[in-house]
Amino acid sequence: MCPRRRHGVPTRKAQEETIIKTPTIVLLALLSIVAAGCAARQAEIAEESAPTANLAGEWTGSAGTGGVFIPVTLTLTQSGTAVKGTISVGGRPDYSGDVTGSVQGELVKLALPETTLAQLRVKQDTITGEPFPGLPLNLRRSR
């Protein structure tokens, strides 16, 4: 005679399958997270190990969002990976003044005397990034 299964109560086999499936799903989720992290780190290493970008010169453009843009001028000199110069952000004296920083591959780090700007990215004659919270920046090298 077959054992009678009570309605709504899982069988021992179903319980064993659930016990095996749960760790497998957790392991697969963890492996996916690790793989995504490794891919992001590889992209970061590629940007850092790219040839040092040439930042010397005058860069002009704007910063802003939502239809409100302000003019930005950045003038830099470069010695190796060290950069220095001035930035002028229209109507924002707190974001304007002398800057110093460094470049590693395509990644640029600049700081004002009182404020460190977020990391920027340079590609040929364009600098992009969000140096100040909520203020996306797009500059082109003046020729």
Protein backbone atom coordinates (compact mmCIF):
# COMPACT_ATOMS: atom_id res chain seq x y z
CA MET A 1 0.00 0.00 0.00
CA CYS A 2 1.30 3.45 -0.89
CA PRO A 3 1.76 5.94 1.87
CA ARG A 4 -0.94 8.49 1.72
CA ARG A 5 0.21 12.07 1.08
CA ARG A 6 -1.47 14.73 3.12
CA HIS A 7 -2.73 17.60 1.01
CA GLY A 8 -0.43 20.68 1.20
CA VAL A 9 2.43 18.90 2.99
CA PRO A 10 5.56 18.41 0.82
CA THR A 11 6.98 14.93 0.51
CA ARG A 12 10.44 14.09 1.82
CA LYS A 13 11.78 14.05 -1.76
CA ALA A 14 10.42 17.56 -2.42
CA GLN A 15 12.01 18.78 0.82
CA GLU A 16 15.37 17.26 -0.15
CA GLU A 17 15.22 18.89 -3.62
CA THR A 18 14.51 22.28 -2.00
CA ILE A 19 17.45 21.85 0.38
CA ILE A 20 19.75 21.10 -2.58
CA LYS A 21 18.39 23.85 -4.87
CA THR A 22 18.66 26.72 -2.37
CA PRO A 23 22.47 26.60 -1.89
CA THR A 24 22.91 26.15 -5.65
CA ILE A 25 20.89 29.29 -6.37
CA VAL A 26 22.80 31.26 -3.71
CA LEU A 27 26.14 30.05 -5.11
CA LEU A 28 25.15 31.04 -8.66
CA ALA A 29 24.08 34.50 -7.46
CA LEU A 30 27.41 35.00 -5.66
CA LEU A 31 29.37 33.88 -8.71
CA SER A 32 27.42 36.35 -10.87
CA ILE A 33 28.25 39.20 -8.48
CA VAL A 34 31.95 38.26 -8.44
CA ALA A 35 32.05 38.06 -12.25
CA ALA A 36 30.43 41.50 -12.60
CA GLY A 37 32.90 42.95 -10.10
CA CYS A 38 35.85 41.45 -11.95
CA ALA A 39 34.63 42.88 -15.27
CA ALA A 40 34.24 46.35 -13.76
CA ARG A 41 37.71 46.18 -12.24
CA GLN A 42 39.22 45.06 -15.56
CA ALA A 43 37.66 48.09 -17.28
CA GLU A 44 39.07 50.35 -14.56
CA ILE A 45 42.54 48.83 -14.93
CA ALA A 46 42.38 49.34 -18.70
CA GLU A 47 41.53 53.03 -18.21
CA GLU A 48 44.33 53.48 -15.67
CA SER A 49 46.91 51.68 -17.78
CA ALA A 50 46.08 53.55 -20.98
CA PRO A 51 48.85 55.91 -22.14
CA THR A 52 48.91 59.09 -20.08
CA ALA A 53 46.59 61.61 -21.67
CA ASN A 54 47.89 65.02 -22.72
CA LEU A 55 45.89 67.65 -20.81
CA ALA A 56 47.96 70.74 -21.57
CA GLY A 57 45.98 73.61 -23.05
CA GLU A 58 42.71 75.43 -22.72
CA TRP A 59 39.47 73.49 -22.40
CA THR A 60 36.07 75.16 -22.78
CA GLY A 61 32.52 73.95 -22.48
CA SER A 62 29.70 73.83 -20.00
CA ALA A 63 28.41 72.17 -16.88
CA GLY A 64 24.82 71.66 -15.91
CA THR A 65 21.67 69.69 -16.37
CA GLY A 66 17.96 70.16 -16.98
CA GLY A 67 18.44 72.90 -19.54
CA VAL A 68 20.52 75.06 -17.18
CA PHE A 69 24.15 75.22 -18.28
CA ILE A 70 26.99 77.43 -17.14
CA PRO A 71 30.22 78.13 -19.02
CA VAL A 72 33.42 76.44 -17.83
CA THR A 73 37.00 77.18 -18.82
CA LEU A 74 39.89 74.99 -17.68
CA THR A 75 43.49 75.91 -18.48
CA LEU A 76 46.13 73.31 -17.64
CA THR A 77 49.87 72.72 -17.87
CA GLN A 78 51.28 69.24 -17.51
CA SER A 79 54.57 67.74 -16.39
CA GLY A 80 54.49 63.95 -16.64
CA THR A 81 51.39 62.89 -14.74
CA ALA A 82 51.14 66.11 -12.69
CA VAL A 83 48.80 68.87 -13.85
CA LYS A 84 48.07 72.37 -12.60
CA GLY A 85 46.20 75.41 -13.81
CA THR A 86 42.96 77.31 -13.30
CA ILE A 87 39.27 76.58 -13.63
CA SER A 88 36.53 79.15 -14.08
CA VAL A 89 32.93 78.05 -13.54
CA GLY A 90 30.53 80.85 -14.54
CA GLY A 91 28.76 82.35 -11.54
CA ARG A 92 30.38 79.92 -9.11
CA PRO A 93 33.45 81.44 -7.45
CA ASP A 94 33.42 78.54 -4.97
CA TYR A 95 34.11 76.18 -7.92
CA SER A 96 36.67 78.48 -9.58
CA GLY A 97 40.36 79.06 -8.94
CA ASP A 98 43.72 77.32 -9.03
CA VAL A 99 43.65 73.55 -9.53
CA THR A 100 46.28 70.86 -9.08
CA GLY A 101 46.04 67.20 -9.84
CA SER A 102 47.20 64.18 -11.71
CA VAL A 103 46.37 62.07 -14.71
CA GLN A 104 46.63 58.29 -14.88
CA GLY A 105 45.76 56.90 -18.27
CA GLU A 106 42.39 58.47 -19.14
CA LEU A 107 41.48 59.33 -15.55
CA VAL A 108 41.99 62.86 -14.25
CA LYS A 109 41.90 63.93 -10.60
CA LEU A 110 41.79 67.67 -9.88
CA ALA A 111 41.46 69.66 -6.69
CA LEU A 112 40.81 73.26 -5.77
CA PRO A 113 42.51 74.53 -2.60
CA GLU A 114 39.34 73.84 -0.56
CA THR A 115 37.59 71.15 -2.63
CA THR A 116 38.53 67.92 -4.37
CA LEU A 117 36.71 67.46 -7.65
CA ALA A 118 35.36 64.04 -8.58
CA GLN A 119 37.33 61.99 -11.08
CA LEU A 120 37.05 63.09 -14.70
CA ARG A 121 37.74 61.19 -17.92
CA VAL A 122 39.73 62.51 -20.88
CA LYS A 123 39.47 61.06 -24.38
CA GLN A 124 41.54 62.86 -26.98
CA ASP A 125 40.10 66.40 -27.03
CA THR A 126 37.18 65.86 -24.64
CA ILE A 127 36.94 65.88 -20.84
CA THR A 128 33.73 64.56 -19.25
CA GLY A 129 32.55 63.74 -15.78
CA GLU A 130 30.68 65.15 -12.81
CA PRO A 131 33.25 67.13 -10.83
CA PHE A 132 30.63 68.47 -8.42
CA PRO A 133 27.46 66.65 -7.31
CA GLY A 134 24.66 67.21 -9.81
CA LEU A 135 26.87 69.19 -12.21
CA PRO A 136 27.80 67.11 -15.30
CA LEU A 137 30.72 68.59 -17.23
CA ASN A 138 31.61 68.46 -20.92
CA LEU A 139 34.75 70.26 -22.14
CA ARG A 140 36.54 70.36 -25.50
CA ARG A 141 40.12 71.39 -26.05
CA SER A 142 40.40 74.78 -27.75
CA ARG A 143 42.55 74.75 -30.88
